[in-house]
Amino acid sequence: MPEIQNGVIEKIQNSKFRGIRLQGNGLWVVVLKVNNKYIRGGTFKDEILAARRYDQLARQHHGEFASLNFEDNHDYDDVNE
């Protein structure tokens, strides 16, 4: 389904990872829903780094109940771009 932003209809580019999508400028944006509000986690050139950032935010906000992209227990505190 198309998304309307700034009066322009864009096709949403899906990722195989949870919580990220490809923007028209070629960057992956991270979005997490918390308490019925969306939190942006930044934009990344690399899809995997974006997915790691999503996991970081999910752990931060949902703790042990977070649905993650990666099952490893690495703490990627330095995932920023």
Protein backbone atom coordinates (compact mmCIF):
# COMPACT_ATOMS: atom_id res chain seq x y z
CA MET A 1 0.00 0.00 0.00
CA PRO A 2 1.43 3.43 -0.89
CA GLU A 3 2.29 5.96 1.79
CA ILE A 4 1.67 9.69 1.44
CA GLN A 5 4.41 12.00 2.70
CA ASN A 6 4.61 15.71 1.94
CA GLY A 7 1.92 15.27 -0.68
CA VAL A 8 3.96 12.65 -2.54
CA ILE A 9 2.87 9.03 -2.78
CA GLU A 10 5.75 6.64 -2.11
CA LYS A 11 5.79 2.87 -2.26
CA ILE A 12 6.93 1.43 1.07
CA GLN A 13 10.02 -0.72 0.61
CA ASN A 14 9.92 -3.58 3.06
CA SER A 15 12.85 -5.31 4.65
CA LYS A 16 13.14 -8.88 5.80
CA PHE A 17 13.87 -7.39 9.24
CA ARG A 18 11.36 -6.11 11.77
CA GLY A 19 11.02 -2.37 12.31
CA ILE A 20 12.95 -0.97 9.36
CA ARG A 21 12.08 0.22 5.87
CA LEU A 22 13.88 1.74 2.91
CA GLN A 23 13.29 5.41 2.25
CA GLY A 24 13.31 7.01 -1.18
CA ASN A 25 16.80 8.41 -0.54
CA GLY A 26 18.26 4.91 -0.18
CA LEU A 27 18.62 4.98 3.61
CA TRP A 28 17.03 2.49 5.99
CA VAL A 29 14.89 4.10 8.70
CA VAL A 30 14.29 2.44 12.09
CA VAL A 31 10.83 2.75 13.67
CA LEU A 32 9.64 1.18 16.93
CA LYS A 33 6.11 1.37 18.35
CA VAL A 34 5.94 2.02 22.10
CA ASN A 35 2.67 2.78 23.92
CA ASN A 36 0.88 3.40 20.61
CA LYS A 37 3.48 5.99 19.57
CA TYR A 38 6.21 5.58 16.98
CA ILE A 39 9.83 6.23 17.92
CA ARG A 40 12.34 6.85 15.13
CA GLY A 41 15.68 5.21 15.74
CA GLY A 42 17.62 6.95 13.02
CA THR A 43 18.62 6.26 9.43
CA PHE A 44 21.33 3.94 8.21
CA LYS A 45 23.08 3.12 4.94
CA ASP A 46 23.26 -0.55 5.92
CA GLU A 47 20.12 -2.68 6.41
CA ILE A 48 21.77 -4.95 9.00
CA LEU A 49 22.99 -2.01 11.11
CA ALA A 50 19.45 -0.62 11.04
CA ALA A 51 18.10 -3.99 12.20
CA ARG A 52 20.68 -4.03 15.04
CA ARG A 53 19.59 -0.53 16.07
CA TYR A 54 15.95 -1.70 16.11
CA ASP A 55 16.95 -4.57 18.43
CA GLN A 56 18.78 -2.11 20.68
CA LEU A 57 15.69 0.10 20.97
CA ALA A 58 13.37 -2.88 21.41
CA ARG A 59 15.47 -4.19 24.32
CA GLN A 60 15.59 -0.72 25.84
CA HIS A 61 11.81 -0.22 25.71
CA HIS A 62 10.41 -3.76 25.96
CA GLY A 63 13.11 -5.58 27.94
CA GLU A 64 12.79 -9.35 28.02
CA PHE A 65 9.55 -9.16 26.01
CA ALA A 66 11.17 -7.51 22.98
CA SER A 67 10.71 -9.12 19.57
CA LEU A 68 14.17 -9.03 18.04
CA ASN A 69 15.67 -9.45 14.59
CA PHE A 70 18.72 -11.28 15.90
CA GLU A 71 18.73 -13.82 18.70
CA ASP A 72 22.33 -13.26 19.75
CA ASN A 73 22.87 -11.47 23.04
CA HIS A 74 25.41 -8.92 21.85
CA ASP A 75 24.85 -5.46 23.19
CA TYR A 76 25.34 -3.02 20.32
CA ASP A 77 25.49 0.23 22.27
CA ASP A 78 27.62 1.80 19.56
CA VAL A 79 25.15 1.22 16.72
CA ASN A 80 24.89 4.72 15.33
CA GLU A 81 25.47 6.15 11.90
